[in-house]
PDB file of all heavy atoms in Angstrom:
ATOM      1  N   GLU A   1     -35.319  62.680  19.171  1.00  0.00           N
ATOM      2  CA  GLU A   1     -35.941  61.858  20.219  1.00  0.00           C
ATOM      3  C   GLU A   1     -34.992  60.740  20.669  1.00  0.00           C
ATOM      4  O   GLU A   1     -34.973  60.379  21.851  1.00  0.00           O
ATOM      5  CB  GLU A   1     -37.264  61.299  19.712  1.00  0.00           C
ATOM      6  CG  GLU A   1     -38.346  62.372  19.605  1.00  0.00           C
ATOM      7  CD  GLU A   1     -39.642  61.850  19.015  1.00  0.00           C
ATOM      8  OE1 GLU A   1     -39.611  60.779  18.350  1.00  0.00           O
ATOM      9  OE2 GLU A   1     -40.675  62.503  19.194  1.00  0.00           O
ATOM     10  N   LYS A   2     -34.197  60.204  19.742  1.00  0.00           N
ATOM     11  CA  LYS A   2     -33.202  59.193  20.125  1.00  0.00           C
ATOM     12  C   LYS A   2     -32.134  59.777  21.047  1.00  0.00           C
ATOM     13  O   LYS A   2     -31.540  59.066  21.850  1.00  0.00           O
ATOM     14  CB  LYS A   2     -32.539  58.612  18.873  1.00  0.00           C
ATOM     15  CG  LYS A   2     -33.423  57.662  18.082  1.00  0.00           C
ATOM     16  CD  LYS A   2     -32.671  57.112  16.878  1.00  0.00           C
ATOM     17  CE  LYS A   2     -33.538  56.159  16.079  1.00  0.00           C
ATOM     18  NZ  LYS A   2     -32.818  55.636  14.883  1.00  0.00           N
ATOM     19  N   MET A   3     -31.918  61.087  20.920  1.00  0.00           N
ATOM     20  CA  MET A   3     -30.923  61.764  21.744  1.00  0.00           C
ATOM     21  C   MET A   3     -31.514  62.272  23.059  1.00  0.00           C
ATOM     22  O   MET A   3     -30.853  62.954  23.834  1.00  0.00           O
ATOM     23  CB  MET A   3     -30.311  62.937  20.974  1.00  0.00           C
ATOM     24  CG  MET A   3     -29.536  62.515  19.725  1.00  0.00           C
ATOM     25  SD  MET A   3     -29.101  63.922  18.647  1.00  0.00           S
ATOM     26  CE  MET A   3     -27.996  64.833  19.733  1.00  0.00           C
ATOM     27  N   GLY A   4     -32.789  61.918  23.303  1.00  0.00           N
ATOM     28  CA  GLY A   4     -33.414  62.282  24.568  1.00  0.00           C
ATOM     29  C   GLY A   4     -34.157  63.600  24.573  1.00  0.00           C
ATOM     30  O   GLY A   4     -34.574  64.082  25.634  1.00  0.00           O
ATOM     31  N   TYR A   5     -34.361  64.196  23.391  1.00  0.00           N
ATOM     32  CA  TYR A   5     -35.097  65.463  23.308  1.00  0.00           C
ATOM     33  C   TYR A   5     -36.603  65.210  23.249  1.00  0.00           C
ATOM     34  O   TYR A   5     -37.063  64.204  22.670  1.00  0.00           O
ATOM     35  CB  TYR A   5     -34.695  66.252  22.063  1.00  0.00           C
ATOM     36  CG  TYR A   5     -33.363  66.945  22.167  1.00  0.00           C
ATOM     37  CD1 TYR A   5     -32.179  66.267  21.853  1.00  0.00           C
ATOM     38  CD2 TYR A   5     -33.273  68.267  22.567  1.00  0.00           C
ATOM     39  CE1 TYR A   5     -30.948  66.892  21.947  1.00  0.00           C
ATOM     40  CE2 TYR A   5     -32.040  68.914  22.655  1.00  0.00           C
ATOM     41  CZ  TYR A   5     -30.889  68.226  22.337  1.00  0.00           C
ATOM     42  OH  TYR A   5     -29.669  68.849  22.434  1.00  0.00           O
ATOM     43  N   SER A   6     -37.354  66.124  23.821  1.00  0.00           N
ATOM     44  CA  SER A   6     -38.804  66.145  23.652  1.00  0.00           C
ATOM     45  C   SER A   6     -39.101  67.094  22.488  1.00  0.00           C
ATOM     46  O   SER A   6     -38.608  68.229  22.456  1.00  0.00           O
ATOM     47  CB  SER A   6     -39.477  66.659  24.930  1.00  0.00           C
ATOM     48  OG  SER A   6     -40.854  66.880  24.701  1.00  0.00           O
ATOM     49  N   VAL A   7     -39.886  66.627  21.512  1.00  0.00           N
ATOM     50  CA  VAL A   7     -40.134  67.414  20.296  1.00  0.00           C
ATOM     51  C   VAL A   7     -41.629  67.638  20.117  1.00  0.00           C
ATOM     52  O   VAL A   7     -42.412  66.690  20.089  1.00  0.00           O
ATOM     53  CB  VAL A   7     -39.565  66.705  19.044  1.00  0.00           C
ATOM     54  CG1 VAL A   7     -39.801  67.561  17.801  1.00  0.00           C
ATOM     55  CG2 VAL A   7     -38.087  66.410  19.216  1.00  0.00           C
ATOM     56  N   LYS A   8     -42.025  68.897  19.985  1.00  0.00           N
ATOM     57  CA  LYS A   8     -43.410  69.257  19.700  1.00  0.00           C
ATOM     58  C   LYS A   8     -43.433  70.125  18.450  1.00  0.00           C
ATOM     59  O   LYS A   8     -42.605  71.033  18.305  1.00  0.00           O
ATOM     60  CB  LYS A   8     -44.034  70.010  20.878  1.00  0.00           C
ATOM     61  CG  LYS A   8     -44.178  69.178  22.141  1.00  0.00           C
ATOM     62  CD  LYS A   8     -44.847  69.984  23.251  1.00  0.00           C
ATOM     63  CE  LYS A   8     -44.983  69.153  24.528  1.00  0.00           C
ATOM     64  NZ  LYS A   8     -45.620  69.927  25.632  1.00  0.00           N
ATOM     65  N   SER A   9     -44.381  69.858  17.557  1.00  0.00           N
ATOM     66  CA  SER A   9     -44.413  70.610  16.294  1.00  0.00           C
ATOM     67  C   SER A   9     -45.843  70.823  15.817  1.00  0.00           C
ATOM     68  O   SER A   9     -46.771  70.121  16.227  1.00  0.00           O
ATOM     69  CB  SER A   9     -43.623  69.871  15.207  1.00  0.00           C
ATOM     70  OG  SER A   9     -44.235  68.619  14.922  1.00  0.00           O
ATOM     71  N   GLY A  10     -46.002  71.811  14.938  1.00  0.00           N
ATOM     72  CA  GLY A  10     -47.286  72.084  14.311  1.00  0.00           C
ATOM     73  C   GLY A  10     -47.240  71.691  12.847  1.00  0.00           C
ATOM     74  O   GLY A  10     -46.345  70.959  12.414  1.00  0.00           O
ATOM     75  N   ASN A  11     -48.194  72.186  12.064  1.00  0.00           N
ATOM     76  CA  ASN A  11     -48.270  71.858  10.645  1.00  0.00           C
ATOM     77  C   ASN A  11     -47.351  72.750   9.823  1.00  0.00           C
ATOM     78  O   ASN A  11     -47.161  73.934  10.123  1.00  0.00           O
ATOM     79  CB  ASN A  11     -49.707  72.019  10.140  1.00  0.00           C
ATOM     80  CG  ASN A  11     -50.651  71.017  10.785  1.00  0.00           C
ATOM     81  OD1 ASN A  11     -50.268  69.876  11.046  1.00  0.00           O
ATOM     82  ND2 ASN A  11     -51.874  71.434  11.046  1.00  0.00           N
ATOM     83  N   LEU A  12     -46.796  72.174   8.774  1.00  0.00           N
ATOM     84  CA  LEU A  12     -45.899  72.903   7.883  1.00  0.00           C
ATOM     85  C   LEU A  12     -46.705  73.724   6.881  1.00  0.00           C
ATOM     86  O   LEU A  12     -47.641  73.234   6.251  1.00  0.00           O
ATOM     87  CB  LEU A  12     -44.997  71.926   7.124  1.00  0.00           C
ATOM     88  CG  LEU A  12     -44.147  72.519   5.987  1.00  0.00           C
ATOM     89  CD1 LEU A  12     -43.096  73.477   6.560  1.00  0.00           C
ATOM     90  CD2 LEU A  12     -43.499  71.415   5.167  1.00  0.00           C
ATOM     91  N   GLN A  13     -46.349  75.000   6.734  1.00  0.00           N
ATOM     92  CA  GLN A  13     -46.875  75.869   5.681  1.00  0.00           C
ATOM     93  C   GLN A  13     -45.676  76.401   4.909  1.00  0.00           C
ATOM     94  O   GLN A  13     -44.798  77.032   5.487  1.00  0.00           O
ATOM     95  CB  GLN A  13     -47.680  77.024   6.268  1.00  0.00           C
ATOM     96  CG  GLN A  13     -48.899  76.599   7.065  1.00  0.00           C
ATOM     97  CD  GLN A  13     -49.638  77.789   7.645  1.00  0.00           C
ATOM     98  OE1 GLN A  13     -49.959  78.741   6.937  1.00  0.00           O
ATOM     99  NE2 GLN A  13     -49.893  77.739   8.949  1.00  0.00           N
ATOM    100  N   LEU A  14     -45.651  76.155   3.595  1.00  0.00           N
ATOM    101  CA  LEU A  14     -44.479  76.505   2.799  1.00  0.00           C
ATOM    102  C   LEU A  14     -44.914  77.148   1.489  1.00  0.00           C
ATOM    103  O   LEU A  14     -45.897  76.736   0.876  1.00  0.00           O
ATOM    104  CB  LEU A  14     -43.631  75.259   2.550  1.00  0.00           C
ATOM    105  CG  LEU A  14     -42.279  75.439   1.861  1.00  0.00           C
ATOM    106  CD1 LEU A  14     -41.254  74.453   2.413  1.00  0.00           C
ATOM    107  CD2 LEU A  14     -42.397  75.248   0.343  1.00  0.00           C
ATOM    108  N   GLN A  15     -44.153  78.158   1.056  1.00  0.00           N
ATOM    109  CA  GLN A  15     -44.458  78.839  -0.191  1.00  0.00           C
ATOM    110  C   GLN A  15     -43.167  79.299  -0.866  1.00  0.00           C
ATOM    111  O   GLN A  15     -42.321  79.927  -0.246  1.00  0.00           O
ATOM    112  CB  GLN A  15     -45.362  80.055   0.047  1.00  0.00           C
ATOM    113  CG  GLN A  15     -45.696  80.840  -1.200  1.00  0.00           C
ATOM    114  CD  GLN A  15     -46.482  80.029  -2.229  1.00  0.00           C
ATOM    115  OE1 GLN A  15     -47.524  79.450  -1.888  1.00  0.00           O
ATOM    116  NE2 GLN A  15     -46.004  79.966  -3.455  1.00  0.00           N
ATOM    117  N   ALA A  16     -43.043  78.973  -2.160  1.00  0.00           N
ATOM    118  CA  ALA A  16     -41.917  79.445  -2.967  1.00  0.00           C
ATOM    119  C   ALA A  16     -42.372  80.643  -3.797  1.00  0.00           C
ATOM    120  O   ALA A  16     -43.487  80.659  -4.322  1.00  0.00           O
ATOM    121  CB  ALA A  16     -41.414  78.337  -3.883  1.00  0.00           C
ATOM    122  N   THR A  17     -41.502  81.632  -3.919  1.00  0.00           N
ATOM    123  CA  THR A  17     -41.822  82.835  -4.683  1.00  0.00           C
ATOM    124  C   THR A  17     -40.677  83.155  -5.636  1.00  0.00           C
ATOM    125  O   THR A  17     -39.512  83.188  -5.228  1.00  0.00           O
ATOM    126  CB  THR A  17     -42.033  84.046  -3.746  1.00  0.00           C
ATOM    127  OG1 THR A  17     -43.019  83.710  -2.765  1.00  0.00           O
ATOM    128  CG2 THR A  17     -42.494  85.261  -4.530  1.00  0.00           C
ATOM    129  N   LEU A  18     -41.013  83.378  -6.907  1.00  0.00           N
ATOM    130  CA  LEU A  18     -40.008  83.784  -7.881  1.00  0.00           C
ATOM    131  C   LEU A  18     -39.814  85.289  -7.786  1.00  0.00           C
ATOM    132  O   LEU A  18     -40.776  86.054  -7.835  1.00  0.00           O
ATOM    133  CB  LEU A  18     -40.436  83.421  -9.310  1.00  0.00           C
ATOM    134  CG  LEU A  18     -40.756  81.959  -9.623  1.00  0.00           C
ATOM    135  CD1 LEU A  18     -40.894  81.776 -11.131  1.00  0.00           C
ATOM    136  CD2 LEU A  18     -39.708  81.018  -9.069  1.00  0.00           C
ATOM    137  N   GLN A  19     -38.574  85.706  -7.650  1.00  0.00           N
ATOM    138  CA  GLN A  19     -38.225  87.110  -7.625  1.00  0.00           C
ATOM    139  C   GLN A  19     -37.063  87.335  -8.580  1.00  0.00           C
ATOM    140  O   GLN A  19     -36.372  86.380  -8.951  1.00  0.00           O
ATOM    141  CB  GLN A  19     -37.838  87.546  -6.205  1.00  0.00           C
ATOM    142  CG  GLN A  19     -38.963  87.405  -5.192  1.00  0.00           C
ATOM    143  CD  GLN A  19     -38.570  87.865  -3.796  1.00  0.00           C
ATOM    144  OE1 GLN A  19     -37.565  88.556  -3.617  1.00  0.00           O
ATOM    145  NE2 GLN A  19     -39.354  87.487  -2.798  1.00  0.00           N
ATOM    146  N   PRO A  20     -36.848  88.583  -9.017  1.00  0.00           N
ATOM    147  CA  PRO A  20     -35.740  88.822  -9.948  1.00  0.00           C
ATOM    148  C   PRO A  20     -34.426  88.248  -9.432  1.00  0.00           C
ATOM    149  O   PRO A  20     -33.982  88.559  -8.325  1.00  0.00           O
ATOM    150  CB  PRO A  20     -35.690  90.357 -10.028  1.00  0.00           C
ATOM    151  CG  PRO A  20     -37.107  90.781  -9.796  1.00  0.00           C
ATOM    152  CD  PRO A  20     -37.629  89.806  -8.761  1.00  0.00           C
ATOM    153  N   LYS A  21     -33.843  87.350 -10.215  1.00  0.00           N
ATOM    154  CA  LYS A  21     -32.539  86.732  -9.968  1.00  0.00           C
ATOM    155  C   LYS A  21     -32.506  85.761  -8.787  1.00  0.00           C
ATOM    156  O   LYS A  21     -31.425  85.295  -8.409  1.00  0.00           O
ATOM    157  CB  LYS A  21     -31.454  87.804  -9.776  1.00  0.00           C
ATOM    158  CG  LYS A  21     -31.283  88.710 -10.989  1.00  0.00           C
ATOM    159  CD  LYS A  21     -30.168  89.710 -10.776  1.00  0.00           C
ATOM    160  CE  LYS A  21     -30.014  90.596 -12.010  1.00  0.00           C
ATOM    161  NZ  LYS A  21     -28.916  91.593 -11.856  1.00  0.00           N
ATOM    162  N   LYS A  22     -33.660  85.419  -8.213  1.00  0.00           N
ATOM    163  CA  LYS A  22     -33.635  84.479  -7.093  1.00  0.00           C
ATOM    164  C   LYS A  22     -34.994  83.837  -6.864  1.00  0.00           C
ATOM    165  O   LYS A  22     -36.025  84.314  -7.344  1.00  0.00           O
ATOM    166  CB  LYS A  22     -33.184  85.182  -5.812  1.00  0.00           C
ATOM    167  CG  LYS A  22     -34.107  86.304  -5.358  1.00  0.00           C
ATOM    168  CD  LYS A  22     -33.541  87.031  -4.144  1.00  0.00           C
ATOM    169  CE  LYS A  22     -34.431  88.196  -3.730  1.00  0.00           C
ATOM    170  NZ  LYS A  22     -33.862  88.958  -2.598  1.00  0.00           N
ATOM    171  N   VAL A  23     -34.966  82.745  -6.118  1.00  0.00           N
ATOM    172  CA  VAL A  23     -36.175  82.079  -5.643  1.00  0.00           C
ATOM    173  C   VAL A  23     -36.120  82.110  -4.122  1.00  0.00           C
ATOM    174  O   VAL A  23     -35.111  81.733  -3.519  1.00  0.00           O
ATOM    175  CB  VAL A  23     -36.252  80.615  -6.129  1.00  0.00           C
ATOM    176  CG1 VAL A  23     -37.481  79.929  -5.547  1.00  0.00           C
ATOM    177  CG2 VAL A  23     -36.270  80.552  -7.646  1.00  0.00           C
ATOM    178  N   VAL A  24     -37.196  82.584  -3.507  1.00  0.00           N
ATOM    179  CA  VAL A  24     -37.271  82.656  -2.048  1.00  0.00           C
ATOM    180  C   VAL A  24     -38.302  81.643  -1.560  1.00  0.00           C
ATOM    181  O   VAL A  24     -39.445  81.633  -2.031  1.00  0.00           O
ATOM    182  CB  VAL A  24     -37.657  84.068  -1.565  1.00  0.00           C
ATOM    183  CG1 VAL A  24     -37.757  84.106  -0.040  1.00  0.00           C
ATOM    184  CG2 VAL A  24     -36.634  85.092  -2.055  1.00  0.00           C
ATOM    185  N   ILE A  25     -37.895  80.787  -0.643  1.00  0.00           N
ATOM    186  CA  ILE A  25     -38.799  79.780  -0.072  1.00  0.00           C
ATOM    187  C   ILE A  25     -38.975  80.098   1.409  1.00  0.00           C
ATOM    188  O   ILE A  25     -38.010  80.113   2.166  1.00  0.00           O
ATOM    189  CB  ILE A  25     -38.243  78.356  -0.245  1.00  0.00           C
ATOM    190  CG1 ILE A  25     -37.906  78.084  -1.712  1.00  0.00           C
ATOM    191  CG2 ILE A  25     -39.242  77.326   0.277  1.00  0.00           C
ATOM    192  CD1 ILE A  25     -37.235  76.750  -1.954  1.00  0.00           C
ATOM    193  N   ASP A  26     -40.221  80.378   1.798  1.00  0.00           N
ATOM    194  CA  ASP A  26     -40.544  80.682   3.194  1.00  0.00           C
ATOM    195  C   ASP A  26     -41.384  79.556   3.778  1.00  0.00           C
ATOM    196  O   ASP A  26     -42.267  79.010   3.101  1.00  0.00           O
ATOM    197  CB  ASP A  26     -41.327  81.990   3.294  1.00  0.00           C
ATOM    198  CG  ASP A  26     -40.461  83.205   2.969  1.00  0.00           C
ATOM    199  OD1 ASP A  26     -39.515  83.457   3.727  1.00  0.00           O
ATOM    200  OD2 ASP A  26     -40.738  83.882   1.958  1.00  0.00           O
ATOM    201  N   ALA A  27     -41.110  79.229   5.021  1.00  0.00           N
ATOM    202  CA  ALA A  27     -41.861  78.164   5.686  1.00  0.00           C
ATOM    203  C   ALA A  27     -42.211  78.573   7.107  1.00  0.00           C
ATOM    204  O   ALA A  27     -41.418  79.231   7.792  1.00  0.00           O
ATOM    205  CB  ALA A  27     -41.057  76.865   5.703  1.00  0.00           C
ATOM    206  N   LEU A  28     -43.415  78.184   7.522  1.00  0.00           N
ATOM    207  CA  LEU A  28     -43.834  78.296   8.913  1.00  0.00           C
ATOM    208  C   LEU A  28     -43.970  76.884   9.463  1.00  0.00           C
ATOM    209  O   LEU A  28     -44.707  76.065   8.915  1.00  0.00           O
ATOM    210  CB  LEU A  28     -45.173  79.029   9.021  1.00  0.00           C
ATOM    211  CG  LEU A  28     -45.158  80.546   8.807  1.00  0.00           C
ATOM    212  CD1 LEU A  28     -46.585  81.090   8.852  1.00  0.00           C
ATOM    213  CD2 LEU A  28     -44.297  81.246   9.837  1.00  0.00           C
ATOM    214  N   LEU A  29     -43.223  76.604  10.520  1.00  0.00           N
ATOM    215  CA  LEU A  29     -43.261  75.277  11.136  1.00  0.00           C
ATOM    216  C   LEU A  29     -43.016  75.437  12.630  1.00  0.00           C
ATOM    217  O   LEU A  29     -41.867  75.448  13.080  1.00  0.00           O
ATOM    218  CB  LEU A  29     -42.203  74.357  10.517  1.00  0.00           C
ATOM    219  CG  LEU A  29     -42.116  72.935  11.103  1.00  0.00           C
ATOM    220  CD1 LEU A  29     -43.430  72.195  10.907  1.00  0.00           C
ATOM    221  CD2 LEU A  29     -40.962  72.165  10.463  1.00  0.00           C
ATOM    222  N   PRO A  30     -44.079  75.599  13.413  1.00  0.00           N
ATOM    223  CA  PRO A  30     -43.897  75.722  14.865  1.00  0.00           C
ATOM    224  C   PRO A  30     -43.186  74.489  15.418  1.00  0.00           C
ATOM    225  O   PRO A  30     -43.638  73.366  15.223  1.00  0.00           O
ATOM    226  CB  PRO A  30     -45.335  75.824  15.386  1.00  0.00           C
ATOM    227  CG  PRO A  30     -46.128  76.311  14.218  1.00  0.00           C
ATOM    228  CD  PRO A  30     -45.490  75.689  13.017  1.00  0.00           C
ATOM    229  N   LEU A  31     -42.062  74.720  16.101  1.00  0.00           N
ATOM    230  CA  LEU A  31     -41.245  73.611  16.573  1.00  0.00           C
ATOM    231  C   LEU A  31     -40.611  73.969  17.914  1.00  0.00           C
ATOM    232  O   LEU A  31     -40.015  75.029  18.066  1.00  0.00           O
ATOM    233  CB  LEU A  31     -40.142  73.303  15.542  1.00  0.00           C
ATOM    234  CG  LEU A  31     -39.052  72.309  15.938  1.00  0.00           C
ATOM    235  CD1 LEU A  31     -39.638  70.933  16.178  1.00  0.00           C
ATOM    236  CD2 LEU A  31     -37.965  72.266  14.861  1.00  0.00           C
ATOM    237  N   THR A  32     -40.744  73.058  18.865  1.00  0.00           N
ATOM    238  CA  THR A  32     -40.121  73.240  20.178  1.00  0.00           C
ATOM    239  C   THR A  32     -39.379  71.970  20.546  1.00  0.00           C
ATOM    240  O   THR A  32     -39.934  70.867  20.467  1.00  0.00           O
ATOM    241  CB  THR A  32     -41.172  73.547  21.262  1.00  0.00           C
ATOM    242  OG1 THR A  32     -41.857  74.751  20.926  1.00  0.00           O
ATOM    243  CG2 THR A  32     -40.505  73.719  22.621  1.00  0.00           C
ATOM    244  N   ILE A  33     -38.110  72.121  20.924  1.00  0.00           N
ATOM    245  CA  ILE A  33     -37.330  70.976  21.389  1.00  0.00           C
ATOM    246  C   ILE A  33     -36.862  71.277  22.811  1.00  0.00           C
ATOM    247  O   ILE A  33     -36.505  72.408  23.142  1.00  0.00           O
ATOM    248  CB  ILE A  33     -36.133  70.667  20.460  1.00  0.00           C
ATOM    249  CG1 ILE A  33     -35.115  71.829  20.459  1.00  0.00           C
ATOM    250  CG2 ILE A  33     -36.604  70.390  19.044  1.00  0.00           C
ATOM    251  CD1 ILE A  33     -33.837  71.518  19.703  1.00  0.00           C
ATOM    252  N   ALA A  34     -36.882  70.253  23.653  1.00  0.00           N
ATOM    253  CA  ALA A  34     -36.516  70.463  25.057  1.00  0.00           C
ATOM    254  C   ALA A  34     -35.695  69.289  25.568  1.00  0.00           C
ATOM    255  O   ALA A  34     -35.981  68.125  25.273  1.00  0.00           O
ATOM    256  CB  ALA A  34     -37.775  70.629  25.913  1.00  0.00           C
ATOM    257  N   LYS A  35     -34.666  69.640  26.342  1.00  0.00           N
ATOM    258  CA  LYS A  35     -33.870  68.641  27.048  1.00  0.00           C
ATOM    259  C   LYS A  35     -33.407  69.301  28.344  1.00  0.00           C
ATOM    260  O   LYS A  35     -34.175  69.406  29.291  1.00  0.00           O
ATOM    261  CB  LYS A  35     -32.693  68.165  26.200  1.00  0.00           C
ATOM    262  CG  LYS A  35     -32.034  66.894  26.738  1.00  0.00           C
ATOM    263  CD  LYS A  35     -30.954  66.392  25.765  1.00  0.00           C
ATOM    264  CE  LYS A  35     -30.322  65.110  26.244  1.00  0.00           C
ATOM    265  NZ  LYS A  35     -29.252  64.638  25.318  1.00  0.00           N
ATOM    266  N   GLU A  36     -32.186  69.798  28.355  1.00  0.00           N
ATOM    267  CA  GLU A  36     -31.743  70.573  29.516  1.00  0.00           C
ATOM    268  C   GLU A  36     -32.272  72.003  29.444  1.00  0.00           C
ATOM    269  O   GLU A  36     -32.442  72.679  30.443  1.00  0.00           O
ATOM    270  CB  GLU A  36     -30.217  70.562  29.591  1.00  0.00           C
ATOM    271  CG  GLU A  36     -29.635  69.173  29.834  1.00  0.00           C
ATOM    272  CD  GLU A  36     -28.126  69.171  29.814  1.00  0.00           C
ATOM    273  OE1 GLU A  36     -27.547  70.242  29.495  1.00  0.00           O
ATOM    274  OE2 GLU A  36     -27.530  68.125  30.110  1.00  0.00           O
ATOM    275  N   GLU A  37     -32.524  72.451  28.212  1.00  0.00           N
ATOM    276  CA  GLU A  37     -33.128  73.751  27.973  1.00  0.00           C
ATOM    277  C   GLU A  37     -34.137  73.621  26.849  1.00  0.00           C
ATOM    278  O   GLU A  37     -34.145  72.631  26.110  1.00  0.00           O
ATOM    279  CB  GLU A  37     -32.064  74.800  27.620  1.00  0.00           C
ATOM    280  CG  GLU A  37     -31.276  74.477  26.360  1.00  0.00           C
ATOM    281  CD  GLU A  37     -30.262  75.564  26.025  1.00  0.00           C
ATOM    282  OE1 GLU A  37     -30.518  76.726  26.394  1.00  0.00           O
ATOM    283  OE2 GLU A  37     -29.243  75.254  25.392  1.00  0.00           O
ATOM    284  N   THR A  38     -34.993  74.620  26.713  1.00  0.00           N
ATOM    285  CA  THR A  38     -36.050  74.593  25.702  1.00  0.00           C
ATOM    286  C   THR A  38     -35.760  75.623  24.617  1.00  0.00           C
ATOM    287  O   THR A  38     -35.413  76.772  24.915  1.00  0.00           O
ATOM    288  CB  THR A  38     -37.420  74.891  26.327  1.00  0.00           C
ATOM    289  OG1 THR A  38     -37.702  73.892  27.317  1.00  0.00           O
ATOM    290  CG2 THR A  38     -38.507  74.887  25.271  1.00  0.00           C
ATOM    291  N   LYS A  39     -35.895  75.189  23.369  1.00  0.00           N
ATOM    292  CA  LYS A  39     -35.705  76.082  22.225  1.00  0.00           C
ATOM    293  C   LYS A  39     -36.928  76.007  21.325  1.00  0.00           C
ATOM    294  O   LYS A  39     -37.458  74.920  21.088  1.00  0.00           O
ATOM    295  CB  LYS A  39     -34.447  75.688  21.431  1.00  0.00           C
ATOM    296  CG  LYS A  39     -33.151  75.833  22.194  1.00  0.00           C
ATOM    297  CD  LYS A  39     -31.974  75.435  21.311  1.00  0.00           C
ATOM    298  CE  LYS A  39     -30.647  75.543  22.049  1.00  0.00           C
ATOM    299  NZ  LYS A  39     -29.500  75.155  21.181  1.00  0.00           N
ATOM    300  N   SER A  40     -37.338  77.166  20.830  1.00  0.00           N
ATOM    301  CA  SER A  40     -38.502  77.221  19.952  1.00  0.00           C
ATOM    302  C   SER A  40     -38.130  77.856  18.616  1.00  0.00           C
ATOM    303  O   SER A  40     -37.322  78.793  18.563  1.00  0.00           O
ATOM    304  CB  SER A  40     -39.634  78.021  20.612  1.00  0.00           C
ATOM    305  OG  SER A  40     -40.093  77.357  21.781  1.00  0.00           O
ATOM    306  N   PHE A  41     -38.755  77.339  17.562  1.00  0.00           N
ATOM    307  CA  PHE A  41     -38.521  77.830  16.203  1.00  0.00           C
ATOM    308  C   PHE A  41     -39.868  77.925  15.490  1.00  0.00           C
ATOM    309  O   PHE A  41     -40.815  77.227  15.820  1.00  0.00           O
ATOM    310  CB  PHE A  41     -37.599  76.886  15.433  1.00  0.00           C
ATOM    311  CG  PHE A  41     -36.329  76.535  16.165  1.00  0.00           C
ATOM    312  CD1 PHE A  41     -36.297  75.466  17.054  1.00  0.00           C
ATOM    313  CD2 PHE A  41     -35.184  77.275  15.979  1.00  0.00           C
ATOM    314  CE1 PHE A  41     -35.130  75.137  17.730  1.00  0.00           C
ATOM    315  CE2 PHE A  41     -34.009  76.955  16.650  1.00  0.00           C
ATOM    316  CZ  PHE A  41     -33.985  75.877  17.529  1.00  0.00           C
ATOM    317  N   GLU A  42     -39.929  78.787  14.485  1.00  0.00           N
ATOM    318  CA  GLU A  42     -41.186  78.896  13.732  1.00  0.00           C
ATOM    319  C   GLU A  42     -40.961  79.250  12.266  1.00  0.00           C
ATOM    320  O   GLU A  42     -41.501  78.592  11.387  1.00  0.00           O
ATOM    321  CB  GLU A  42     -42.084  79.954  14.365  1.00  0.00           C
ATOM    322  CG  GLU A  42     -43.451  80.063  13.682  1.00  0.00           C
ATOM    323  CD  GLU A  42     -44.360  81.054  14.361  1.00  0.00           C
ATOM    324  OE1 GLU A  42     -43.850  81.918  15.105  1.00  0.00           O
ATOM    325  OE2 GLU A  42     -45.581  80.963  14.150  1.00  0.00           O
ATOM    326  N   LYS A  43     -40.154  80.281  11.991  1.00  0.00           N
ATOM    327  CA  LYS A  43     -39.979  80.748  10.625  1.00  0.00           C
ATOM    328  C   LYS A  43     -38.655  80.257  10.051  1.00  0.00           C
ATOM    329  O   LYS A  43     -37.616  80.340  10.690  1.00  0.00           O
ATOM    330  CB  LYS A  43     -40.027  82.281  10.585  1.00  0.00           C
ATOM    331  CG  LYS A  43     -41.382  82.861  10.978  1.00  0.00           C
ATOM    332  CD  LYS A  43     -41.377  84.376  10.882  1.00  0.00           C
ATOM    333  CE  LYS A  43     -42.740  84.943  11.260  1.00  0.00           C
ATOM    334  NZ  LYS A  43     -42.760  86.437  11.181  1.00  0.00           N
ATOM    335  N   PHE A  44     -38.732  79.758   8.807  1.00  0.00           N
ATOM    336  CA  PHE A  44     -37.559  79.269   8.101  1.00  0.00           C
ATOM    337  C   PHE A  44     -37.554  79.872   6.701  1.00  0.00           C
ATOM    338  O   PHE A  44     -38.612  80.088   6.113  1.00  0.00           O
ATOM    339  CB  PHE A  44     -37.581  77.738   8.008  1.00  0.00           C
ATOM    340  CG  PHE A  44     -37.672  77.045   9.343  1.00  0.00           C
ATOM    341  CD1 PHE A  44     -38.900  76.849   9.959  1.00  0.00           C
ATOM    342  CD2 PHE A  44     -36.525  76.608   9.989  1.00  0.00           C
ATOM    343  CE1 PHE A  44     -38.998  76.217  11.188  1.00  0.00           C
ATOM    344  CE2 PHE A  44     -36.606  75.973  11.224  1.00  0.00           C
ATOM    345  CZ  PHE A  44     -37.839  75.778  11.825  1.00  0.00           C
ATOM    346  N   GLN A  45     -36.363  80.105   6.163  1.00  0.00           N
ATOM    347  CA  GLN A  45     -36.279  80.683   4.817  1.00  0.00           C
ATOM    348  C   GLN A  45     -35.041  80.182   4.090  1.00  0.00           C
ATOM    349  O   GLN A  45     -33.976  80.005   4.677  1.00  0.00           O
ATOM    350  CB  GLN A  45     -36.245  82.209   4.872  1.00  0.00           C
ATOM    351  CG  GLN A  45     -36.292  82.875   3.491  1.00  0.00           C
ATOM    352  CD  GLN A  45     -36.253  84.396   3.562  1.00  0.00           C
ATOM    353  OE1 GLN A  45     -35.185  84.985   3.714  1.00  0.00           O
ATOM    354  NE2 GLN A  45     -37.431  85.025   3.473  1.00  0.00           N
TER     355      GLN A  45
END
């Protein structure tokens, strides 16, 4: 926002899962940033 972006977001949903030899963390976070162009994000891992 200090850089002039418009930011819209939803609620964070996050879950960690133990799997053989690794830990996987998945997150849902609806996110849209806009300035000269608009970018949207939702799934993170």
